[in-house]
Amino acid sequence: EQWEIPQSELAKLKETGKPITDLTINSPVSGYITEYNA
């Protein structure tokens, strides 16, 4: 939780019992992307 893993991913982890290798990061707000480095 301190690593800010979404609650949906934690629920999926508890349900499947398998580690999630590719974690999806979601947008915290609605708006326009003014800068991206990903």
All heavy atoms as atom14 arrays in JSON, in Angstrom:
{
  "sequence": "EQWEIPQSELAKLKETGKPITDLTINSPVSGYITEYNA",
  "atom14_mask": [
    [1, 1, 1, 1, 1, 1, 1, 1, 1, 0, 0, 0, 0, 0],
    [1, 1, 1, 1, 1, 1, 1, 1, 1, 0, 0, 0, 0, 0],
    [1, 1, 1, 1, 1, 1, 1, 1, 1, 1, 1, 1, 1, 1],
    [1, 1, 1, 1, 1, 1, 1, 1, 1, 0, 0, 0, 0, 0],
    [1, 1, 1, 1, 1, 1, 1, 1, 0, 0, 0, 0, 0, 0],
    [1, 1, 1, 1, 1, 1, 1, 0, 0, 0, 0, 0, 0, 0],
    [1, 1, 1, 1, 1, 1, 1, 1, 1, 0, 0, 0, 0, 0],
    [1, 1, 1, 1, 1, 1, 0, 0, 0, 0, 0, 0, 0, 0],
    [1, 1, 1, 1, 1, 1, 1, 1, 1, 0, 0, 0, 0, 0],
    [1, 1, 1, 1, 1, 1, 1, 1, 0, 0, 0, 0, 0, 0],
    [1, 1, 1, 1, 1, 0, 0, 0, 0, 0, 0, 0, 0, 0],
    [1, 1, 1, 1, 1, 1, 1, 1, 1, 0, 0, 0, 0, 0],
    [1, 1, 1, 1, 1, 1, 1, 1, 0, 0, 0, 0, 0, 0],
    [1, 1, 1, 1, 1, 1, 1, 1, 1, 0, 0, 0, 0, 0],
    [1, 1, 1, 1, 1, 1, 1, 1, 1, 0, 0, 0, 0, 0],
    [1, 1, 1, 1, 1, 1, 1, 0, 0, 0, 0, 0, 0, 0],
    [1, 1, 1, 1, 0, 0, 0, 0, 0, 0, 0, 0, 0, 0],
    [1, 1, 1, 1, 1, 1, 1, 1, 1, 0, 0, 0, 0, 0],
    [1, 1, 1, 1, 1, 1, 1, 0, 0, 0, 0, 0, 0, 0],
    [1, 1, 1, 1, 1, 1, 1, 1, 0, 0, 0, 0, 0, 0],
    [1, 1, 1, 1, 1, 1, 1, 0, 0, 0, 0, 0, 0, 0],
    [1, 1, 1, 1, 1, 1, 1, 1, 0, 0, 0, 0, 0, 0],
    [1, 1, 1, 1, 1, 1, 1, 1, 0, 0, 0, 0, 0, 0],
    [1, 1, 1, 1, 1, 1, 1, 0, 0, 0, 0, 0, 0, 0],
    [1, 1, 1, 1, 1, 1, 1, 1, 0, 0, 0, 0, 0, 0],
    [1, 1, 1, 1, 1, 1, 1, 1, 0, 0, 0, 0, 0, 0],
    [1, 1, 1, 1, 1, 1, 0, 0, 0, 0, 0, 0, 0, 0],
    [1, 1, 1, 1, 1, 1, 1, 0, 0, 0, 0, 0, 0, 0],
    [1, 1, 1, 1, 1, 1, 1, 0, 0, 0, 0, 0, 0, 0],
    [1, 1, 1, 1, 1, 1, 0, 0, 0, 0, 0, 0, 0, 0],
    [1, 1, 1, 1, 0, 0, 0, 0, 0, 0, 0, 0, 0, 0],
    [1, 1, 1, 1, 1, 1, 1, 1, 1, 1, 1, 1, 0, 0],
    [1, 1, 1, 1, 1, 1, 1, 1, 0, 0, 0, 0, 0, 0],
    [1, 1, 1, 1, 1, 1, 1, 0, 0, 0, 0, 0, 0, 0],
    [1, 1, 1, 1, 1, 1, 1, 1, 1, 0, 0, 0, 0, 0],
    [1, 1, 1, 1, 1, 1, 1, 1, 1, 1, 1, 1, 0, 0],
    [1, 1, 1, 1, 1, 1, 1, 1, 0, 0, 0, 0, 0, 0],
    [1, 1, 1, 1, 1, 0, 0, 0, 0, 0, 0, 0, 0, 0]
  ],
  "atom14_positions": [
    [[0.83, -1.2, 0.0], [0.0, 0.0, 0.0], [0.87, 1.26, 0.0], [0.52, 2.28, -0.62], [-0.92, -0.01, 1.21], [-2.02, -1.08, 1.12], [-2.87, -1.12, 2.37], [-2.48, -0.46, 3.36], [-3.91, -1.8, 2.37], [0.0, 0.0, 0.0], [0.0, 0.0, 0.0], [0.0, 0.0, 0.0], [0.0, 0.0, 0.0], [0.0, 0.0, 0.0]],
    [[1.99, 1.24, 0.71], [2.89, 2.39, 0.72], [3.52, 2.64, -0.65], [3.89, 3.77, -0.98], [3.99, 2.2, 1.77], [3.47, 2.29, 3.19], [4.55, 1.98, 4.22], [5.67, 1.61, 3.86], [4.21, 2.1, 5.49], [0.0, 0.0, 0.0], [0.0, 0.0, 0.0], [0.0, 0.0, 0.0], [0.0, 0.0, 0.0], [0.0, 0.0, 0.0]],
    [[3.63, 1.6, -1.45], [4.1, 1.76, -2.82], [2.97, 2.21, -3.75], [3.16, 2.27, -4.97], [4.69, 0.44, -3.32], [6.11, 0.26, -2.83], [6.89, 1.14, -2.18], [6.88, -0.93, -2.99], [8.12, 0.62, -1.91], [8.15, -0.68, -2.4], [6.65, -2.19, -3.56], [9.17, -1.62, -2.37], [7.67, -3.13, -3.54], [8.92, -2.85, -2.95]],
    [[1.79, 2.5, -3.17], [0.62, 2.99, -3.89], [0.18, 2.01, -4.97], [-0.14, 2.38, -6.11], [0.89, 4.38, -4.51], [1.08, 5.45, -3.48], [1.2, 6.84, -4.08], [1.38, 6.94, -5.31], [1.12, 7.81, -3.33], [0.0, 0.0, 0.0], [0.0, 0.0, 0.0], [0.0, 0.0, 0.0], [0.0, 0.0, 0.0], [0.0, 0.0, 0.0]],
    [[0.15, 0.73, -4.6], [-0.39, -0.28, -5.48], [-1.92, -0.13, -5.46], [-2.54, -0.09, -4.38], [0.0, -1.71, -5.02], [1.54, -1.8, -4.92], [-0.55, -2.76, -5.99], [2.26, -1.52, -6.19], [0.0, 0.0, 0.0], [0.0, 0.0, 0.0], [0.0, 0.0, 0.0], [0.0, 0.0, 0.0], [0.0, 0.0, 0.0], [0.0, 0.0, 0.0]],
    [[-2.57, 0.01, -6.59], [-4.03, 0.19, -6.6], [-4.75, -0.95, -5.87], [-4.3, -2.11, -5.87], [-4.38, 0.21, -8.09], [-3.1, 0.61, -8.77], [-2.01, 0.02, -7.96], [0.0, 0.0, 0.0], [0.0, 0.0, 0.0], [0.0, 0.0, 0.0], [0.0, 0.0, 0.0], [0.0, 0.0, 0.0], [0.0, 0.0, 0.0], [0.0, 0.0, 0.0]],
    [[-5.88, -0.59, -5.23], [-6.65, -1.59, -4.5], [-7.16, -2.69, -5.44], [-7.31, -3.86, -5.04], [-7.82, -0.92, -3.8], [-7.4, -0.03, -2.63], [-6.75, -0.8, -1.51], [-7.09, -1.98, -1.25], [-5.78, -0.18, -0.84], [0.0, 0.0, 0.0], [0.0, 0.0, 0.0], [0.0, 0.0, 0.0], [0.0, 0.0, 0.0], [0.0, 0.0, 0.0]],
    [[-7.42, -2.33, -6.69], [-7.87, -3.34, -7.64], [-6.8, -4.39, -7.89], [-7.09, -5.59, -8.02], [-8.28, -2.69, -8.96], [-7.17, -1.99, -9.52], [0.0, 0.0, 0.0], [0.0, 0.0, 0.0], [0.0, 0.0, 0.0], [0.0, 0.0, 0.0], [0.0, 0.0, 0.0], [0.0, 0.0, 0.0], [0.0, 0.0, 0.0], [0.0, 0.0, 0.0]],
    [[-5.56, -3.97, -7.92], [-4.46, -4.91, -8.13], [-4.26, -5.78, -6.89], [-3.95, -6.98, -7.0], [-3.18, -4.16, -8.47], [-3.26, -3.34, -9.75], [-3.39, -4.23, -10.97], [-2.93, -5.39, -10.96], [-3.98, -3.76, -11.97], [0.0, 0.0, 0.0], [0.0, 0.0, 0.0], [0.0, 0.0, 0.0], [0.0, 0.0, 0.0], [0.0, 0.0, 0.0]],
    [[-4.43, -5.2, -5.69], [-4.31, -5.99, -4.46], [-5.41, -7.04, -4.39], [-5.18, -8.2, -3.97], [-4.36, -5.08, -3.24], [-3.13, -4.21, -2.98], [-3.35, -3.3, -1.79], [-1.91, -5.1, -2.73], [0.0, 0.0, 0.0], [0.0, 0.0, 0.0], [0.0, 0.0, 0.0], [0.0, 0.0, 0.0], [0.0, 0.0, 0.0], [0.0, 0.0, 0.0]],
    [[-6.6, -6.63, -4.79], [-7.7, -7.6, -4.78], [-7.43, -8.74, -5.76], [-7.72, -9.91, -5.47], [-9.02, -6.89, -5.12], [0.0, 0.0, 0.0], [0.0, 0.0, 0.0], [0.0, 0.0, 0.0], [0.0, 0.0, 0.0], [0.0, 0.0, 0.0], [0.0, 0.0, 0.0], [0.0, 0.0, 0.0], [0.0, 0.0, 0.0], [0.0, 0.0, 0.0]],
    [[-6.88, -8.37, -6.92], [-6.55, -9.39, -7.91], [-5.47, -10.32, -7.38], [-5.5, -11.55, -7.62], [-6.1, -8.71, -9.2], [-5.77, -9.67, -10.33], [-5.35, -8.87, -11.58], [-4.99, -9.82, -12.72], [-4.55, -9.07, -13.94], [0.0, 0.0, 0.0], [0.0, 0.0, 0.0], [0.0, 0.0, 0.0], [0.0, 0.0, 0.0], [0.0, 0.0, 0.0]],
    [[-4.5, -9.76, -6.64], [-3.41, -10.57, -6.06], [-3.96, -11.56, -5.04], [-3.58, -12.75, -5.02], [-2.38, -9.65, -5.43], [-1.2, -10.32, -4.72], [-0.35, -11.1, -5.73], [-0.34, -9.27, -4.01], [0.0, 0.0, 0.0], [0.0, 0.0, 0.0], [0.0, 0.0, 0.0], [0.0, 0.0, 0.0], [0.0, 0.0, 0.0], [0.0, 0.0, 0.0]],
    [[-4.89, -11.1, -4.22], [-5.47, -11.99, -3.21], [-6.33, -13.07, -3.85], [-6.37, -14.22, -3.39], [-6.31, -11.19, -2.23], [-5.52, -10.21, -1.39], [-6.45, -9.38, -0.5], [-5.66, -8.35, 0.3], [-6.54, -7.51, 1.14], [0.0, 0.0, 0.0], [0.0, 0.0, 0.0], [0.0, 0.0, 0.0], [0.0, 0.0, 0.0], [0.0, 0.0, 0.0]],
    [[-6.99, -12.69, -4.94], [-7.9, -13.63, -5.58], [-7.15, -14.72, -6.33], [-7.47, -15.92, -6.23], [-8.83, -12.88, -6.53], [-9.83, -13.77, -7.24], [-10.73, -12.97, -8.18], [-10.63, -11.72, -8.18], [-11.49, -13.6, -8.94], [0.0, 0.0, 0.0], [0.0, 0.0, 0.0], [0.0, 0.0, 0.0], [0.0, 0.0, 0.0], [0.0, 0.0, 0.0]],
    [[-6.1, -14.32, -7.08], [-5.39, -15.32, -7.91], [-4.3, -16.02, -7.13], [-3.93, -17.16, -7.46], [-4.78, -14.62, -9.13], [-3.85, -13.62, -8.71], [-5.88, -13.96, -9.96], [0.0, 0.0, 0.0], [0.0, 0.0, 0.0], [0.0, 0.0, 0.0], [0.0, 0.0, 0.0], [0.0, 0.0, 0.0], [0.0, 0.0, 0.0], [0.0, 0.0, 0.0]],
    [[-3.73, -15.36, -6.15], [-2.63, -15.97, -5.41], [-1.34, -15.99, -6.19], [-0.42, -16.75, -5.84], [0.0, 0.0, 0.0], [0.0, 0.0, 0.0], [0.0, 0.0, 0.0], [0.0, 0.0, 0.0], [0.0, 0.0, 0.0], [0.0, 0.0, 0.0], [0.0, 0.0, 0.0], [0.0, 0.0, 0.0], [0.0, 0.0, 0.0], [0.0, 0.0, 0.0]],
    [[-1.25, -15.26, -7.27], [-0.04, -15.21, -8.09], [0.48, -13.77, -8.17], [-0.33, -12.83, -8.26], [-0.33, -15.73, -9.5], [-0.73, -17.19, -9.55], [-0.98, -17.62, -10.98], [-1.37, -19.11, -11.04], [-1.63, -19.57, -12.44], [0.0, 0.0, 0.0], [0.0, 0.0, 0.0], [0.0, 0.0, 0.0], [0.0, 0.0, 0.0], [0.0, 0.0, 0.0]],
    [[1.8, -13.57, -8.16], [2.35, -12.2, -8.27], [2.01, -11.57, -9.63], [1.95, -12.28, -10.65], [3.85, -12.4, -8.12], [4.01, -13.75, -7.48], [2.86, -14.57, -7.96], [0.0, 0.0, 0.0], [0.0, 0.0, 0.0], [0.0, 0.0, 0.0], [0.0, 0.0, 0.0], [0.0, 0.0, 0.0], [0.0, 0.0, 0.0], [0.0, 0.0, 0.0]],
    [[1.78, -10.27, -9.58], [1.5, -9.51, -10.8], [2.83, -8.98, -11.32], [3.48, -8.16, -10.68], [0.52, -8.37, -10.51], [-0.78, -8.91, -9.96], [0.26, -7.55, -11.77], [-1.74, -7.82, -9.49], [0.0, 0.0, 0.0], [0.0, 0.0, 0.0], [0.0, 0.0, 0.0], [0.0, 0.0, 0.0], [0.0, 0.0, 0.0], [0.0, 0.0, 0.0]],
    [[3.22, -9.42, -12.47], [4.52, -9.0, -13.02], [4.43, -7.63, -13.69], [5.35, -6.81, -13.56], [5.03, -10.04, -14.02], [4.04, -10.24, -15.04], [5.3, -11.36, -13.3], [0.0, 0.0, 0.0], [0.0, 0.0, 0.0], [0.0, 0.0, 0.0], [0.0, 0.0, 0.0], [0.0, 0.0, 0.0], [0.0, 0.0, 0.0], [0.0, 0.0, 0.0]],
    [[3.38, -7.41, -14.43], [3.21, -6.12, -15.12], [2.1, -5.34, -14.42], [0.91, -5.64, -14.6], [2.86, -6.32, -16.59], [4.03, -6.91, -17.38], [5.14, -6.93, -16.84], [3.81, -7.38, -18.51], [0.0, 0.0, 0.0], [0.0, 0.0, 0.0], [0.0, 0.0, 0.0], [0.0, 0.0, 0.0], [0.0, 0.0, 0.0], [0.0, 0.0, 0.0]],
    [[2.52, -4.35, -13.61], [1.55, -3.55, -12.84], [1.1, -2.36, -13.69], [1.93, -1.63, -14.26], [2.2, -3.04, -11.55], [1.31, -2.18, -10.65], [0.15, -2.99, -10.1], [2.14, -1.58, -9.51], [0.0, 0.0, 0.0], [0.0, 0.0, 0.0], [0.0, 0.0, 0.0], [0.0, 0.0, 0.0], [0.0, 0.0, 0.0], [0.0, 0.0, 0.0]],
    [[-0.21, -2.12, -13.78], [-0.76, -1.01, -14.56], [-0.87, 0.24, -13.67], [-1.44, 0.18, -12.58], [-2.14, -1.37, -15.11], [-2.02, -2.54, -15.94], [-2.7, -0.21, -15.93], [0.0, 0.0, 0.0], [0.0, 0.0, 0.0], [0.0, 0.0, 0.0], [0.0, 0.0, 0.0], [0.0, 0.0, 0.0], [0.0, 0.0, 0.0], [0.0, 0.0, 0.0]],
    [[-0.32, 1.34, -14.14], [-0.39, 2.63, -13.43], [-1.45, 3.48, -14.11], [-1.38, 3.72, -15.33], [0.97, 3.34, -13.42], [2.04, 2.43, -12.83], [0.87, 4.66, -12.66], [1.8, 2.04, -11.39], [0.0, 0.0, 0.0], [0.0, 0.0, 0.0], [0.0, 0.0, 0.0], [0.0, 0.0, 0.0], [0.0, 0.0, 0.0], [0.0, 0.0, 0.0]],
    [[-2.41, 4.0, -13.32], [-3.52, 4.77, -13.84], [-3.34, 6.26, -13.57], [-2.58, 6.66, -12.67], [-4.84, 4.3, -13.23], [-5.11, 2.83, -13.51], [-4.79, 2.33, -14.59], [-5.7, 2.14, -12.55], [0.0, 0.0, 0.0], [0.0, 0.0, 0.0], [0.0, 0.0, 0.0], [0.0, 0.0, 0.0], [0.0, 0.0, 0.0], [0.0, 0.0, 0.0]],
    [[-4.05, 7.1, -14.32], [-3.98, 8.56, -14.13], [-4.68, 8.95, -12.84], [-5.82, 8.53, -12.59], [-4.63, 9.28, -15.32], [-4.68, 10.66, -15.09], [0.0, 0.0, 0.0], [0.0, 0.0, 0.0], [0.0, 0.0, 0.0], [0.0, 0.0, 0.0], [0.0, 0.0, 0.0], [0.0, 0.0, 0.0], [0.0, 0.0, 0.0], [0.0, 0.0, 0.0]],
    [[-4.05, 9.78, -12.01], [-4.69, 10.17, -10.74], [-5.78, 11.22, -10.91], [-6.62, 11.38, -10.04], [-3.52, 10.72, -9.92], [-2.57, 11.23, -10.95], [-2.69, 10.33, -12.14], [0.0, 0.0, 0.0], [0.0, 0.0, 0.0], [0.0, 0.0, 0.0], [0.0, 0.0, 0.0], [0.0, 0.0, 0.0], [0.0, 0.0, 0.0], [0.0, 0.0, 0.0]],
    [[-5.78, 11.99, -12.03], [-6.75, 13.07, -12.25], [-7.14, 13.07, -13.72], [-6.53, 12.39, -14.56], [-6.18, 14.45, -11.86], [-5.9, 14.54, -10.38], [-4.92, 14.75, -12.67], [0.0, 0.0, 0.0], [0.0, 0.0, 0.0], [0.0, 0.0, 0.0], [0.0, 0.0, 0.0], [0.0, 0.0, 0.0], [0.0, 0.0, 0.0], [0.0, 0.0, 0.0]],
    [[-8.17, 13.85, -14.0], [-8.56, 14.1, -15.39], [-7.89, 15.38, -15.85], [-7.89, 16.4, -15.12], [-10.07, 14.22, -15.52], [-10.72, 13.02, -15.16], [0.0, 0.0, 0.0], [0.0, 0.0, 0.0], [0.0, 0.0, 0.0], [0.0, 0.0, 0.0], [0.0, 0.0, 0.0], [0.0, 0.0, 0.0], [0.0, 0.0, 0.0], [0.0, 0.0, 0.0]],
    [[-7.35, 15.38, -17.07], [-6.69, 16.57, -17.58], [-5.88, 16.28, -18.82], [-5.97, 15.2, -19.42], [0.0, 0.0, 0.0], [0.0, 0.0, 0.0], [0.0, 0.0, 0.0], [0.0, 0.0, 0.0], [0.0, 0.0, 0.0], [0.0, 0.0, 0.0], [0.0, 0.0, 0.0], [0.0, 0.0, 0.0], [0.0, 0.0, 0.0], [0.0, 0.0, 0.0]],
    [[-5.06, 17.28, -19.16], [-4.25, 17.18, -20.37], [-2.8, 16.88, -19.98], [-2.27, 17.47, -19.03], [-4.32, 18.48, -21.16], [-5.65, 18.71, -21.82], [-6.67, 19.37, -21.15], [-5.89, 18.28, -23.12], [-7.91, 19.58, -21.74], [-7.11, 18.48, -23.73], [-8.12, 19.14, -23.03], [-9.33, 19.35, -23.62], [0.0, 0.0, 0.0], [0.0, 0.0, 0.0]],
    [[-2.18, 16.0, -20.74], [-0.77, 15.68, -20.49], [0.08, 16.81, -21.07], [0.1, 17.03, -22.29], [-0.4, 14.34, -21.14], [-1.2, 13.2, -20.52], [1.09, 14.08, -21.0], [-0.99, 11.86, -21.19], [0.0, 0.0, 0.0], [0.0, 0.0, 0.0], [0.0, 0.0, 0.0], [0.0, 0.0, 0.0], [0.0, 0.0, 0.0], [0.0, 0.0, 0.0]],
    [[0.76, 17.55, -20.22], [1.62, 18.63, -20.69], [3.08, 18.19, -20.8], [3.88, 18.88, -21.44], [1.52, 19.83, -19.73], [1.93, 19.42, -18.42], [0.11, 20.37, -19.69], [0.0, 0.0, 0.0], [0.0, 0.0, 0.0], [0.0, 0.0, 0.0], [0.0, 0.0, 0.0], [0.0, 0.0, 0.0], [0.0, 0.0, 0.0], [0.0, 0.0, 0.0]],
    [[3.42, 17.07, -20.19], [4.79, 16.55, -20.28], [4.76, 15.05, -20.03], [4.08, 14.58, -19.1], [5.69, 17.25, -19.25], [7.12, 16.77, -19.24], [7.94, 17.39, -18.12], [7.34, 18.08, -17.26], [9.16, 17.17, -18.1], [0.0, 0.0, 0.0], [0.0, 0.0, 0.0], [0.0, 0.0, 0.0], [0.0, 0.0, 0.0], [0.0, 0.0, 0.0]],
    [[5.48, 14.3, -20.83], [5.59, 12.85, -20.56], [6.98, 12.38, -20.95], [7.57, 12.82, -21.93], [4.5, 12.08, -21.29], [4.84, 11.66, -22.7], [5.32, 10.38, -22.98], [4.69, 12.55, -23.77], [5.64, 9.99, -24.27], [5.01, 12.16, -25.06], [5.48, 10.89, -25.31], [5.8, 10.5, -26.58], [0.0, 0.0, 0.0], [0.0, 0.0, 0.0]],
    [[7.51, 11.48, -20.1], [8.85, 10.92, -20.31], [8.83, 9.4, -20.3], [9.89, 8.77, -20.24], [9.8, 11.42, -19.22], [9.96, 12.93, -19.25], [10.26, 13.51, -20.29], [9.75, 13.58, -18.1], [0.0, 0.0, 0.0], [0.0, 0.0, 0.0], [0.0, 0.0, 0.0], [0.0, 0.0, 0.0], [0.0, 0.0, 0.0], [0.0, 0.0, 0.0]],
    [[7.64, 8.8, -20.3], [7.53, 7.34, -20.25], [7.75, 6.75, -21.63], [7.03, 7.07, -22.58], [6.16, 6.94, -19.72], [0.0, 0.0, 0.0], [0.0, 0.0, 0.0], [0.0, 0.0, 0.0], [0.0, 0.0, 0.0], [0.0, 0.0, 0.0], [0.0, 0.0, 0.0], [0.0, 0.0, 0.0], [0.0, 0.0, 0.0], [0.0, 0.0, 0.0]]
  ]
}
